[in-house]
């Protein structure tokens, strides 16, 4: 039986939500091993002077505890 743990991570990108998601998983993998999935809980953007300047994601990352 596998034990799966879930952590919540916030990340951002100036390019896209997809890039923000990749950044989150990449950063989390530096300290968390055996990542199995990521679930996007929420997305938002920062707007400055009528332009989108930053994409933000809130993720739940699941990983197997060994």
N, C-alpha and C. Protein backbone atom coordinates (compact mmCIF):
# COMPACT_ATOMS: atom_id res chain seq x y z
N UNK A 1 0.84 -1.18 0.00
CA UNK A 1 0.00 0.00 0.00
C UNK A 1 0.88 1.25 0.00
N UNK A 2 0.60 2.17 -0.88
CA UNK A 2 1.36 3.42 -0.96
C UNK A 2 0.72 4.49 -0.08
N UNK A 3 1.58 5.30 0.52
CA UNK A 3 1.13 6.45 1.29
C UNK A 3 1.41 7.68 0.44
N UNK A 4 0.36 8.47 0.19
CA UNK A 4 0.48 9.68 -0.63
C UNK A 4 0.25 10.89 0.27
N UNK A 5 1.16 11.86 0.16
CA UNK A 5 1.03 13.10 0.92
C UNK A 5 0.75 14.23 -0.07
N UNK A 6 0.00 15.23 0.38
CA UNK A 6 -0.36 16.36 -0.48
C UNK A 6 0.11 17.66 0.19
N UNK A 7 0.79 18.49 -0.61
CA UNK A 7 1.19 19.81 -0.14
C UNK A 7 0.57 20.86 -1.07
N UNK A 8 0.40 22.05 -0.55
CA UNK A 8 -0.14 23.14 -1.36
C UNK A 8 0.99 24.11 -1.68
N UNK A 9 1.08 24.50 -2.95
CA UNK A 9 2.18 25.33 -3.44
C UNK A 9 1.62 26.49 -4.25
N UNK A 10 2.20 27.66 -4.08
CA UNK A 10 1.86 28.83 -4.89
C UNK A 10 3.05 29.15 -5.78
N UNK A 11 2.78 29.49 -7.05
CA UNK A 11 3.87 29.83 -7.98
C UNK A 11 3.40 30.90 -8.96
N UNK A 12 4.37 31.52 -9.62
CA UNK A 12 4.03 32.56 -10.58
C UNK A 12 4.95 32.51 -11.79
N UNK A 13 4.53 33.22 -12.84
CA UNK A 13 5.31 33.33 -14.07
C UNK A 13 4.88 34.58 -14.81
N UNK A 14 5.78 35.17 -15.53
CA UNK A 14 5.43 36.30 -16.38
C UNK A 14 4.92 35.84 -17.74
N UNK A 15 5.06 34.51 -18.04
CA UNK A 15 4.69 33.98 -19.36
C UNK A 15 3.27 33.43 -19.43
N UNK A 16 2.95 32.46 -18.53
CA UNK A 16 1.66 31.77 -18.63
C UNK A 16 1.38 30.97 -17.36
N UNK A 17 0.11 30.49 -17.26
CA UNK A 17 -0.23 29.61 -16.14
C UNK A 17 0.52 28.29 -16.28
N UNK A 18 0.69 27.82 -17.50
CA UNK A 18 1.43 26.57 -17.73
C UNK A 18 2.86 26.70 -17.22
N UNK A 19 3.49 27.80 -17.53
CA UNK A 19 4.86 28.03 -17.06
C UNK A 19 4.91 28.15 -15.54
N UNK A 20 3.92 28.79 -14.94
CA UNK A 20 3.85 28.89 -13.48
C UNK A 20 3.72 27.50 -12.86
N UNK A 21 2.92 26.64 -13.48
CA UNK A 21 2.74 25.26 -13.00
C UNK A 21 4.06 24.50 -13.08
N UNK A 22 4.74 24.62 -14.20
CA UNK A 22 6.04 23.95 -14.36
C UNK A 22 7.04 24.46 -13.33
N UNK A 23 7.03 25.77 -13.07
CA UNK A 23 7.92 26.34 -12.05
C UNK A 23 7.64 25.75 -10.67
N UNK A 24 6.36 25.61 -10.35
CA UNK A 24 5.98 25.06 -9.04
C UNK A 24 6.49 23.64 -8.87
N UNK A 25 6.28 22.81 -9.88
CA UNK A 25 6.71 21.41 -9.79
C UNK A 25 8.23 21.33 -9.74
N UNK A 26 8.90 22.13 -10.55
CA UNK A 26 10.36 22.13 -10.57
C UNK A 26 10.94 22.53 -9.22
N UNK A 27 10.39 23.59 -8.63
CA UNK A 27 10.88 24.04 -7.32
C UNK A 27 10.56 23.03 -6.23
N UNK A 28 9.35 22.49 -6.24
CA UNK A 28 8.96 21.51 -5.22
C UNK A 28 9.83 20.26 -5.30
N UNK A 29 10.22 19.87 -6.51
CA UNK A 29 11.01 18.64 -6.68
C UNK A 29 12.42 18.77 -6.11
N UNK A 30 12.85 19.98 -5.79
CA UNK A 30 14.16 20.16 -5.16
C UNK A 30 14.18 19.63 -3.73
N UNK A 31 13.01 19.66 -3.06
CA UNK A 31 12.97 19.18 -1.68
C UNK A 31 12.00 18.02 -1.47
N UNK A 32 11.15 17.75 -2.45
CA UNK A 32 10.17 16.66 -2.35
C UNK A 32 10.44 15.67 -3.47
N UNK A 33 10.57 14.41 -3.12
CA UNK A 33 10.82 13.36 -4.11
C UNK A 33 9.56 12.56 -4.36
N UNK A 34 9.54 11.84 -5.47
CA UNK A 34 8.43 10.95 -5.85
C UNK A 34 7.12 11.69 -6.11
N UNK A 35 7.20 12.87 -6.74
CA UNK A 35 5.98 13.61 -7.09
C UNK A 35 5.20 12.79 -8.11
N UNK A 36 3.91 12.63 -7.85
CA UNK A 36 3.05 11.81 -8.70
C UNK A 36 2.07 12.64 -9.51
N UNK A 37 1.59 13.77 -8.97
CA UNK A 37 0.62 14.58 -9.71
C UNK A 37 0.54 15.98 -9.13
N UNK A 38 -0.05 16.87 -9.92
CA UNK A 38 -0.32 18.24 -9.46
C UNK A 38 -1.72 18.61 -9.91
N UNK A 39 -2.49 19.18 -9.00
CA UNK A 39 -3.86 19.58 -9.26
C UNK A 39 -3.95 21.09 -9.10
N UNK A 40 -4.40 21.78 -10.13
CA UNK A 40 -4.52 23.23 -10.05
C UNK A 40 -5.81 23.58 -9.32
N UNK A 41 -5.65 24.22 -8.17
CA UNK A 41 -6.77 24.61 -7.33
C UNK A 41 -7.34 25.95 -7.79
N UNK A 42 -6.44 26.89 -8.13
CA UNK A 42 -6.88 28.23 -8.46
C UNK A 42 -5.87 28.88 -9.39
N UNK A 43 -6.36 29.80 -10.21
CA UNK A 43 -5.50 30.59 -11.10
C UNK A 43 -5.89 32.05 -10.94
N UNK A 44 -4.89 32.93 -11.05
CA UNK A 44 -5.17 34.36 -11.02
C UNK A 44 -4.09 35.09 -11.80
N UNK A 45 -4.33 36.37 -12.04
CA UNK A 45 -3.35 37.20 -12.72
C UNK A 45 -3.18 38.51 -11.97
N UNK A 46 -2.04 39.14 -12.22
CA UNK A 46 -1.79 40.49 -11.71
C UNK A 46 -1.92 41.42 -12.91
N UNK A 47 -2.67 42.50 -12.75
CA UNK A 47 -2.88 43.47 -13.82
C UNK A 47 -2.27 44.80 -13.39
N UNK A 48 -1.45 45.34 -14.26
CA UNK A 48 -0.86 46.66 -14.03
C UNK A 48 -1.05 47.49 -15.30
N UNK A 49 -1.59 48.66 -15.14
CA UNK A 49 -1.82 49.58 -16.28
C UNK A 49 -2.55 48.88 -17.42
N UNK A 50 -3.61 48.15 -17.07
CA UNK A 50 -4.48 47.46 -18.04
C UNK A 50 -3.80 46.31 -18.78
N UNK A 51 -2.69 45.83 -18.29
CA UNK A 51 -1.98 44.71 -18.91
C UNK A 51 -1.75 43.60 -17.89
N UNK A 52 -1.89 42.35 -18.32
CA UNK A 52 -1.56 41.22 -17.46
C UNK A 52 -0.05 41.14 -17.37
N UNK A 53 0.46 41.20 -16.15
CA UNK A 53 1.92 41.19 -15.95
C UNK A 53 2.43 39.92 -15.28
N UNK A 54 1.52 39.15 -14.67
CA UNK A 54 1.96 37.97 -13.95
C UNK A 54 0.81 36.96 -13.86
N UNK A 55 1.15 35.70 -14.09
CA UNK A 55 0.20 34.60 -13.95
C UNK A 55 0.53 33.86 -12.66
N UNK A 56 -0.51 33.53 -11.87
CA UNK A 56 -0.31 32.84 -10.60
C UNK A 56 -1.16 31.58 -10.54
N UNK A 57 -0.60 30.53 -9.95
CA UNK A 57 -1.34 29.28 -9.75
C UNK A 57 -1.19 28.83 -8.30
N UNK A 58 -2.22 28.17 -7.83
CA UNK A 58 -2.24 27.53 -6.52
C UNK A 58 -2.43 26.05 -6.82
N UNK A 59 -1.44 25.22 -6.46
CA UNK A 59 -1.45 23.80 -6.79
C UNK A 59 -1.47 22.93 -5.55
N UNK A 60 -2.03 21.75 -5.70
CA UNK A 60 -1.86 20.69 -4.72
C UNK A 60 -0.98 19.65 -5.39
N UNK A 61 0.17 19.41 -4.80
CA UNK A 61 1.12 18.44 -5.33
C UNK A 61 1.10 17.19 -4.49
N UNK A 62 0.93 16.05 -5.15
CA UNK A 62 0.87 14.76 -4.46
C UNK A 62 2.17 14.00 -4.68
N UNK A 63 2.67 13.40 -3.60
CA UNK A 63 3.89 12.60 -3.73
C UNK A 63 3.83 11.39 -2.82
N UNK A 64 4.54 10.37 -3.23
CA UNK A 64 4.55 9.11 -2.48
C UNK A 64 5.59 9.18 -1.38
N UNK A 65 5.18 8.79 -0.18
CA UNK A 65 6.10 8.72 0.96
C UNK A 65 6.64 7.30 1.04
N UNK A 66 7.96 7.19 1.08
CA UNK A 66 8.57 5.86 1.14
C UNK A 66 9.18 5.61 2.49
